[in-house]
Protein backbone atom coordinates (compact mmCIF):
# COMPACT_ATOMS: atom_id res chain seq x y z
CA UNK A 1 98.30 151.78 93.86
CA UNK A 2 97.24 149.74 90.38
CA UNK A 3 96.53 150.96 87.20
CA UNK A 4 94.74 149.34 84.58
CA UNK A 5 97.20 149.28 81.51
CA UNK A 6 94.68 150.74 78.89
CA UNK A 7 95.15 148.15 75.86
CA UNK A 8 93.22 147.99 72.40
CA UNK A 9 91.29 144.95 71.64
CA UNK A 10 93.83 144.34 68.63
CA UNK A 11 95.88 141.12 70.32
CA UNK A 12 99.14 142.42 68.23
CA UNK A 13 99.22 146.02 69.64
CA UNK A 14 98.76 144.57 73.37
CA UNK A 15 101.48 142.59 72.69
CA UNK A 16 103.44 145.30 71.12
CA UNK A 17 102.69 147.39 74.26
CA UNK A 18 104.78 145.35 76.32
CA UNK A 19 108.71 144.51 75.55
CA UNK A 20 111.71 142.80 76.75
CA UNK A 21 112.66 142.76 79.45
CA UNK A 22 109.30 142.32 81.32
CA UNK A 23 109.28 143.61 84.72
CA UNK A 24 106.32 141.40 87.06
CA UNK A 25 105.00 142.26 90.27
CA UNK A 26 103.63 138.81 91.83
CA UNK A 27 102.56 139.71 95.05
CA UNK A 28 105.27 141.95 96.01
CA UNK A 29 108.02 139.97 94.46
CA UNK A 30 109.54 141.48 91.34
CA UNK A 31 111.04 138.78 88.62
CA UNK A 32 112.28 140.21 85.20
CA UNK A 33 111.99 137.75 82.33
CA UNK A 34 110.89 138.17 78.40
CA UNK A 35 108.15 137.77 76.48
CA UNK A 36 109.24 134.36 74.89
CA UNK A 37 109.45 132.80 78.78
CA UNK A 38 105.91 134.12 79.76
CA UNK A 39 104.04 132.93 76.11
CA UNK A 40 106.01 129.50 75.88
CA UNK A 41 102.70 127.89 77.23
CA UNK A 42 100.10 129.51 74.54
CA UNK A 43 97.06 128.00 76.22
CA UNK A 44 97.96 128.83 79.43
CA UNK A 45 96.81 131.63 81.96
CA UNK A 46 100.20 133.81 81.25
CA UNK A 47 99.94 132.59 77.80
CA UNK A 48 96.72 134.99 77.10
CA UNK A 49 97.73 137.61 79.56
CA UNK A 50 101.24 137.95 77.19
CA UNK A 51 99.95 137.97 73.93
CA UNK A 52 97.60 140.57 74.32
CA UNK A 53 94.45 138.12 74.95
CA UNK A 54 93.16 139.58 78.85
CA UNK A 55 94.34 142.91 79.83
CA UNK A 56 97.15 143.35 82.49
CA UNK A 57 97.53 145.75 85.44
CA UNK A 58 100.62 147.49 86.26
CA UNK A 59 101.95 148.94 89.29
CA UNK A 60 103.14 152.81 90.15
CA UNK A 61 106.28 151.33 89.26
CA UNK A 62 105.27 150.10 85.28
CA UNK A 63 105.54 146.45 86.56
CA UNK A 64 102.84 143.88 85.71
CA UNK A 65 101.13 143.05 88.44
CA UNK A 66 99.60 139.61 89.27
CA UNK A 67 97.99 139.18 92.61
CA UNK A 68 99.08 135.55 93.58
CA UNK A 69 101.31 134.41 95.64
CA UNK A 70 105.22 135.14 94.94
CA UNK A 71 107.26 132.64 96.66
CA UNK A 72 106.68 129.95 94.31
CA UNK A 73 106.35 132.25 91.18
CA UNK A 74 110.10 131.52 90.72
CA UNK A 75 110.08 128.04 90.17
CA UNK A 76 106.80 128.70 87.56
CA UNK A 77 109.11 131.00 85.73
CA UNK A 78 112.45 128.29 86.10
CA UNK A 79 109.82 125.65 84.79
CA UNK A 80 108.70 128.01 81.55
CA UNK A 81 112.36 128.65 80.82
CA UNK A 82 113.83 125.41 80.85
CA UNK A 83 110.91 122.89 80.50
CA UNK A 84 112.28 121.26 83.42
CA UNK A 85 110.50 121.21 87.09
CA UNK A 86 114.34 121.72 89.10
CA UNK A 87 113.17 121.94 93.07
CA UNK A 88 115.65 122.36 95.66
CA UNK A 89 116.53 119.41 98.02
CA UNK A 90 113.55 119.52 101.03
CA UNK A 91 111.39 121.84 99.08
CA UNK A 92 108.44 121.91 101.22
CA UNK A 93 105.87 123.99 99.23
CA UNK A 94 104.70 121.95 96.64
CA UNK A 95 100.94 122.06 97.72
CA UNK A 96 101.28 125.95 96.86
CA UNK A 97 103.53 125.25 93.65
CA UNK A 98 100.48 122.65 92.51
CA UNK A 99 97.64 125.37 93.44
CA UNK A 100 99.67 128.35 91.14
CA UNK A 101 100.00 126.03 88.40
CA UNK A 102 96.56 125.15 88.17
CA UNK A 103 95.72 128.75 88.41
CA UNK A 104 97.97 129.52 85.70
CA UNK A 105 96.77 126.74 84.01
CA UNK A 106 99.98 125.28 82.97
CA UNK A 107 99.43 121.63 82.36
CA UNK A 108 102.54 120.36 81.18
CA UNK A 109 104.15 122.06 84.66
CA UNK A 110 100.90 120.39 86.54
CA UNK A 111 101.78 117.10 85.01
CA UNK A 112 105.64 117.25 86.14
CA UNK A 113 104.81 117.99 89.76
CA UNK A 114 102.44 115.11 89.97
CA UNK A 115 105.43 112.88 88.26
CA UNK A 116 107.15 114.45 91.19
CA UNK A 117 104.86 113.50 93.95
CA UNK A 118 105.06 109.70 92.34
CA UNK A 119 108.90 109.72 92.15
CA UNK A 120 109.93 111.88 95.12
CA UNK A 121 108.90 110.80 98.92
CA UNK A 122 107.54 113.19 101.56
CA UNK A 123 110.89 112.74 103.61
CA UNK A 124 113.01 114.22 100.81
CA UNK A 125 110.17 117.29 100.25
CA UNK A 126 110.35 118.49 103.83
CA UNK A 127 108.59 117.59 106.89
CA UNK A 128 109.21 117.48 110.43
CA UNK A 129 111.74 114.92 112.24
CA UNK A 130 110.49 113.67 115.13
CA UNK A 131 106.99 113.67 113.68
CA UNK A 132 105.32 110.50 115.30
CA UNK A 133 102.09 108.11 113.81
CA UNK A 134 100.59 106.05 116.60
CA UNK A 135 98.27 102.99 115.19
CA UNK A 136 95.71 101.37 117.35
CA UNK A 137 94.19 98.47 115.68
CA UNK A 138 90.65 96.28 115.99
CA UNK A 139 88.89 93.08 114.76
CA UNK A 140 85.60 92.04 115.48
CA UNK A 141 84.33 88.80 113.90
CA UNK A 142 80.28 89.00 113.60
CA UNK A 143 77.36 86.73 112.10
CA UNK A 144 74.98 87.74 109.29
CA UNK A 145 71.72 86.06 108.51
CA UNK A 146 70.60 86.48 105.16
CA UNK A 147 68.27 85.04 102.96
CA UNK A 148 69.24 83.35 99.57
CA UNK A 149 66.73 83.71 96.92
CA UNK A 150 66.78 80.23 94.66
CA UNK A 151 63.18 81.85 92.47
CA UNK A 152 60.23 83.07 93.02
CA UNK A 153 59.42 82.40 96.60
CA UNK A 154 62.37 80.32 96.79
CA UNK A 155 64.85 81.39 99.53
CA UNK A 156 67.17 79.66 101.65
CA UNK A 157 68.37 80.83 105.01
CA UNK A 158 72.31 81.21 105.17
CA UNK A 159 74.83 82.36 107.79
CA UNK A 160 78.78 83.67 107.23
CA UNK A 161 80.59 85.46 109.74
CA UNK A 162 82.41 88.76 108.51
CA UNK A 163 85.12 90.22 110.17
CA UNK A 164 85.03 94.35 110.84
CA UNK A 165 88.04 96.02 111.05
CA UNK A 166 88.64 99.21 112.99
CA UNK A 167 92.29 101.40 112.71
CA UNK A 168 92.28 104.60 115.03
CA UNK A 169 95.32 106.24 113.27
CA UNK A 170 97.09 109.90 115.06
CA UNK A 171 100.05 111.56 113.10
CA UNK A 172 101.64 114.99 114.12
CA UNK A 173 102.53 115.60 110.46
CA UNK A 174 99.36 116.55 108.90
CA UNK A 175 101.30 116.12 105.33
CA UNK A 176 101.01 112.34 105.86
CA UNK A 177 97.70 112.06 106.81
CA UNK A 178 96.81 113.58 103.41
CA UNK A 179 99.23 111.12 102.02
CA UNK A 180 97.41 108.06 103.56
CA UNK A 181 94.21 109.01 102.09
CA UNK A 182 95.46 109.63 99.02
CA UNK A 183 96.94 105.73 99.34
CA UNK A 184 94.18 103.84 100.96
CA UNK A 185 90.40 104.14 99.17
CA UNK A 186 87.41 102.58 100.20
CA UNK A 187 85.77 100.09 97.68
CA UNK A 188 81.93 100.91 97.77
CA UNK A 189 78.68 99.61 95.40
CA UNK A 190 79.65 103.03 93.74
CA UNK A 191 83.11 102.69 93.33
CA UNK A 192 86.46 104.02 95.13
CA UNK A 193 86.18 106.57 97.35
CA UNK A 194 88.94 108.25 99.77
CA UNK A 195 88.69 108.39 102.98
CA UNK A 196 89.03 111.26 105.53
CA UNK A 197 90.79 112.90 108.77
CA UNK A 198 88.11 112.72 111.70
CA UNK A 199 88.22 116.41 111.85
CA UNK A 200 89.67 119.15 109.78
CA UNK A 201 91.37 120.48 113.02
CA UNK A 202 92.75 117.36 114.49
CA UNK A 203 95.33 114.93 112.99
CA UNK A 204 93.52 111.65 113.16
CA UNK A 205 92.21 109.15 110.38
CA UNK A 206 89.70 106.23 111.58
CA UNK A 207 89.62 103.41 108.80
CA UNK A 208 86.75 100.91 109.01
CA UNK A 209 85.80 98.41 106.70
CA UNK A 210 84.80 94.48 106.17
CA UNK A 211 86.32 92.22 103.35
CA UNK A 212 83.99 90.06 101.65
CA UNK A 213 84.08 86.79 102.04
CA UNK A 214 83.44 84.11 99.12
CA UNK A 215 80.33 82.67 101.17
CA UNK A 216 78.57 86.12 101.14
CA UNK A 217 76.56 87.62 97.20
CA UNK A 218 77.59 90.62 96.36
CA UNK A 219 74.35 92.03 96.42
CA UNK A 220 74.16 90.81 99.86
CA UNK A 221 77.15 92.42 101.08
CA UNK A 222 76.07 95.74 99.63
CA UNK A 223 73.13 95.32 101.23
CA UNK A 224 74.74 96.02 104.71
CA UNK A 225 76.20 98.90 103.41
CA UNK A 226 79.81 97.37 104.06
CA UNK A 227 83.04 98.53 102.14
CA UNK A 228 86.09 97.15 101.28
CA UNK A 229 89.17 98.81 101.72
CA UNK A 230 92.49 99.18 99.19
CA UNK A 231 95.96 100.41 98.63
CA UNK A 232 96.77 101.80 95.61
CA UNK A 233 100.73 101.26 94.43
CA UNK A 234 102.70 103.18 91.45
CA UNK A 235 103.21 101.05 89.07
CA UNK A 236 106.05 102.52 86.33
CA UNK A 237 106.14 101.63 82.52
CA UNK A 238 108.24 103.38 80.02
CA UNK A 239 107.72 103.51 76.46
CA UNK A 240 109.85 105.51 74.07
CA UNK A 241 111.04 108.21 76.26
CA UNK A 242 107.84 108.88 78.13
CA UNK A 243 107.44 107.38 81.72
CA UNK A 244 103.81 106.32 82.54
CA UNK A 245 103.08 106.10 86.39
CA UNK A 246 99.42 104.04 86.95
CA UNK A 247 98.19 103.03 90.10
CA UNK A 248 96.85 99.90 90.94
CA UNK A 249 94.34 99.05 93.74
CA UNK A 250 94.82 96.32 95.69
CA UNK A 251 92.35 94.31 97.87
CA UNK A 252 93.12 94.50 102.28
CA UNK A 253 91.52 91.46 103.35
CA UNK A 254 93.07 91.18 106.97
CA UNK A 255 94.84 93.44 109.29
CA UNK A 256 98.04 91.97 108.48
CA UNK A 257 97.98 93.13 104.90
CA UNK A 258 96.87 96.72 106.59
CA UNK A 259 99.86 96.84 109.04
CA UNK A 260 102.19 95.50 106.22
CA UNK A 261 101.46 97.88 103.66
CA UNK A 262 101.10 100.85 106.44
CA UNK A 263 104.83 100.14 107.41
CA UNK A 264 105.87 99.73 103.59
CA UNK A 265 104.31 103.84 103.19
CA UNK A 266 105.45 104.89 106.43
CA UNK A 267 109.29 103.33 106.52
CA UNK A 268 109.92 105.11 102.60
CA UNK A 269 108.92 108.81 104.26
CA UNK A 270 111.54 108.10 107.03
CA UNK A 271 109.68 106.47 110.10
CA UNK A 272 111.02 104.36 111.99
CA UNK A 273 109.23 101.52 114.39
CA UNK A 274 109.13 102.78 117.85
CA UNK A 275 106.87 100.54 119.37
CA UNK A 276 104.69 97.33 119.39
CA UNK A 277 102.57 95.90 121.00
CA UNK A 278 102.39 93.64 122.38
CA UNK A 279 105.25 91.57 120.81
CA UNK A 280 107.57 93.50 119.15
CA UNK A 281 108.55 90.14 117.16
CA UNK A 282 105.14 90.00 115.65
CA UNK A 283 104.60 93.55 113.77
CA UNK A 284 102.21 92.51 111.58
CA UNK A 285 99.44 90.50 114.18
CA UNK A 286 99.95 94.12 116.60
CA UNK A 287 97.23 95.49 118.37
CA UNK A 288 99.08 98.91 118.54
CA UNK A 289 102.23 100.65 117.20
CA UNK A 290 104.04 103.37 117.55
CA UNK A 291 106.38 105.24 114.81
CA UNK A 292 109.10 108.04 115.08
CA UNK A 293 110.12 109.93 111.72
CA UNK A 294 114.46 110.28 111.84
């Protein structure tokens, strides 16, 4: 049974109504901490709650009640105490922790989580051993006819060949598919857009792109609604004591380039090549590929 804590509008009286130590009931998990810890980030929701800017609820035992997930709140408290994100090996609740940090509007913690995600591979954040990736790739050459405008009523009929690439990818580990959708992007006339799995209930991803050949003008390329494919790789730079991570998109112009980038990402996450078709000695020229997480 919950009771709304009756408090004055005055912020100081609201803060004085709470004294150290503070007991919190977060989604059924009870924590004990201090006001200094809870108000470390004054512009966060916790800072507003415990400086009296917004009212708090209490349960029937006098604990401040927060109707959020209590499992990861311990890591939020630890961060507020130490200003350091200390997660155990194999921590697999990072999306939930990110969501909770976003709810509480703790911006420094969100930055720490983003840095953790770029510096620690999925394989060290947990994940099922034996997870499998199956990839089928295809390339079709198409002949494109278009009119090249030289001036008013002056057009020249041109012809060029374009390569249309298709990748069908299946992975039993959903988090790895999400990672691929973050690393690969389509380049369109409107800018970069992220691919999405074929179906929210299926672990399948289909990528289709057409690199622009030099002889095809950009306006004709856009007119055909073609799109390119890029891979974003992290580039780390350091100034003073601050480490900055920038994502640099690189164009993928052939299937060998795609297979190479896919191998880099998957091997970094603990996958090993299990099957290459047709020739294991020519992995970059494969038509089918299978990898297993070890």
